[in-house]
Amino acid sequence: ALRVSFLFPGEKWKPVQGDLKIGDVIVAVGGKELPTMTPRQFHTHVRLHYEVGGTIPLTILRGGQRLERQLPAIDIGVE
């Protein structure tokens, strides 16, 4: 699992974040439970398994509830 402890500020990042909130715990991606990983490992996992233009299905824990979310896999580019 991975606790969301930081979200990049600014409008550019809003589409990538969906409605994720600081404190959410990502417990599964694509219906598969996540092992403990660092944020860098998580981002690498997502990049390797999901194509830009698709969606990333996440299962998160928020306030004791298990929620399903779909985040867009977009290329935000590097400036």
C-alpha atoms as a PDB file:
ATOM      1  CA  ALA A   1       0.000   0.000   0.000  1.00  0.00           C
ATOM      2  CA  LEU A   2       1.046   3.586  -0.490  1.00  0.00           C
ATOM      3  CA  ARG A   3      -0.190   6.584   1.506  1.00  0.00           C
ATOM      4  CA  VAL A   4      -0.672   9.761  -0.510  1.00  0.00           C
ATOM      5  CA  SER A   5       1.504  12.272   1.321  1.00  0.00           C
ATOM      6  CA  PHE A   6       2.047  14.860  -1.419  1.00  0.00           C
ATOM      7  CA  LEU A   7       0.189  16.123  -4.474  1.00  0.00           C
ATOM      8  CA  PHE A   8       1.846  18.510  -6.906  1.00  0.00           C
ATOM      9  CA  PRO A   9       0.198  21.944  -6.770  1.00  0.00           C
ATOM     10  CA  GLY A  10      -1.133  23.785  -9.784  1.00  0.00           C
ATOM     11  CA  GLU A  11      -3.741  23.342 -12.466  1.00  0.00           C
ATOM     12  CA  LYS A  12      -1.382  21.313 -14.676  1.00  0.00           C
ATOM     13  CA  TRP A  13      -1.536  18.452 -12.175  1.00  0.00           C
ATOM     14  CA  LYS A  14      -5.304  18.416 -11.495  1.00  0.00           C
ATOM     15  CA  PRO A  15      -6.150  15.911 -14.259  1.00  0.00           C
ATOM     16  CA  VAL A  16      -3.519  13.468 -13.006  1.00  0.00           C
ATOM     17  CA  GLN A  17      -4.735  13.661  -9.412  1.00  0.00           C
ATOM     18  CA  GLY A  18      -8.412  13.077 -10.049  1.00  0.00           C
ATOM     19  CA  ASP A  19     -10.012  13.330  -6.631  1.00  0.00           C
ATOM     20  CA  LEU A  20      -7.093  11.811  -4.713  1.00  0.00           C
ATOM     21  CA  LYS A  21      -6.516  13.510  -1.399  1.00  0.00           C
ATOM     22  CA  ILE A  22      -3.555  13.655   0.940  1.00  0.00           C
ATOM     23  CA  GLY A  23      -4.019  10.843   3.439  1.00  0.00           C
ATOM     24  CA  ASP A  24      -5.648   8.437   0.972  1.00  0.00           C
ATOM     25  CA  VAL A  25      -4.054   5.003   0.943  1.00  0.00           C
ATOM     26  CA  ILE A  26      -3.687   3.308  -2.449  1.00  0.00           C
ATOM     27  CA  VAL A  27      -4.183  -0.398  -1.766  1.00  0.00           C
ATOM     28  CA  ALA A  28      -4.630  -1.795  -5.278  1.00  0.00           C
ATOM     29  CA  VAL A  29      -3.995  -0.931  -8.905  1.00  0.00           C
ATOM     30  CA  GLY A  30      -5.986  -2.694 -11.588  1.00  0.00           C
ATOM     31  CA  GLY A  31      -7.631  -4.875  -8.954  1.00  0.00           C
ATOM     32  CA  LYS A  32      -4.299  -6.257  -7.723  1.00  0.00           C
ATOM     33  CA  GLU A  33      -3.202  -5.563  -4.168  1.00  0.00           C
ATOM     34  CA  LEU A  34      -0.128  -3.395  -3.994  1.00  0.00           C
ATOM     35  CA  PRO A  35       2.959  -4.490  -2.113  1.00  0.00           C
ATOM     36  CA  THR A  36       4.644  -1.885   0.051  1.00  0.00           C
ATOM     37  CA  MET A  37       6.514   0.438  -2.286  1.00  0.00           C
ATOM     38  CA  THR A  38       8.031   3.872  -2.450  1.00  0.00           C
ATOM     39  CA  PRO A  39       6.398   6.660  -4.476  1.00  0.00           C
ATOM     40  CA  ARG A  40       9.109   6.229  -7.121  1.00  0.00           C
ATOM     41  CA  GLN A  41       8.383   2.509  -7.391  1.00  0.00           C
ATOM     42  CA  PHE A  42       4.661   3.241  -7.663  1.00  0.00           C
ATOM     43  CA  HIS A  43       5.179   5.743 -10.489  1.00  0.00           C
ATOM     44  CA  THR A  44       7.446   3.275 -12.286  1.00  0.00           C
ATOM     45  CA  HIS A  45       4.847   0.514 -11.896  1.00  0.00           C
ATOM     46  CA  VAL A  46       2.138   2.733 -13.373  1.00  0.00           C
ATOM     47  CA  ARG A  47       4.338   3.825 -16.295  1.00  0.00           C
ATOM     48  CA  LEU A  48       5.215   0.207 -17.100  1.00  0.00           C
ATOM     49  CA  HIS A  49       1.660  -1.120 -16.945  1.00  0.00           C
ATOM     50  CA  TYR A  50      -0.577   1.672 -18.265  1.00  0.00           C
ATOM     51  CA  GLU A  51      -0.513   3.514 -21.591  1.00  0.00           C
ATOM     52  CA  VAL A  52      -0.845   7.268 -21.927  1.00  0.00           C
ATOM     53  CA  GLY A  53      -4.420   7.977 -22.985  1.00  0.00           C
ATOM     54  CA  GLY A  54      -5.865   5.139 -20.915  1.00  0.00           C
ATOM     55  CA  THR A  55      -7.035   5.041 -17.323  1.00  0.00           C
ATOM     56  CA  ILE A  56      -5.492   3.739 -14.138  1.00  0.00           C
ATOM     57  CA  PRO A  57      -7.964   1.884 -11.907  1.00  0.00           C
ATOM     58  CA  LEU A  58      -7.119   2.462  -8.240  1.00  0.00           C
ATOM     59  CA  THR A  59      -8.580   1.120  -5.033  1.00  0.00           C
ATOM     60  CA  ILE A  60      -8.060   3.528  -2.159  1.00  0.00           C
ATOM     61  CA  LEU A  61      -8.897   3.696   1.510  1.00  0.00           C
ATOM     62  CA  ARG A  62     -10.325   6.984   2.697  1.00  0.00           C
ATOM     63  CA  GLY A  63     -11.901   7.508   6.091  1.00  0.00           C
ATOM     64  CA  GLY A  64     -12.299   3.769   6.600  1.00  0.00           C
ATOM     65  CA  GLN A  65     -14.050   3.287   3.243  1.00  0.00           C
ATOM     66  CA  ARG A  66     -12.703   1.343   0.301  1.00  0.00           C
ATOM     67  CA  LEU A  67     -13.265   3.375  -2.890  1.00  0.00           C
ATOM     68  CA  GLU A  68     -12.685   2.628  -6.567  1.00  0.00           C
ATOM     69  CA  ARG A  69     -11.269   5.448  -8.679  1.00  0.00           C
ATOM     70  CA  GLN A  70     -10.188   5.830 -12.300  1.00  0.00           C
ATOM     71  CA  LEU A  71      -7.356   8.255 -12.973  1.00  0.00           C
ATOM     72  CA  PRO A  72      -6.347   9.322 -16.478  1.00  0.00           C
ATOM     73  CA  ALA A  73      -2.937   8.206 -17.696  1.00  0.00           C
ATOM     74  CA  ILE A  74      -1.787  11.394 -19.323  1.00  0.00           C
ATOM     75  CA  ASP A  75       1.573  12.746 -20.374  1.00  0.00           C
ATOM     76  CA  ILE A  76       2.051  16.038 -18.566  1.00  0.00           C
ATOM     77  CA  GLY A  77       5.441  16.632 -20.169  1.00  0.00           C
ATOM     78  CA  VAL A  78       8.483  18.109 -18.519  1.00  0.00           C
ATOM     79  CA  GLU A  79       9.170  21.815 -18.657  1.00  0.00           C
END
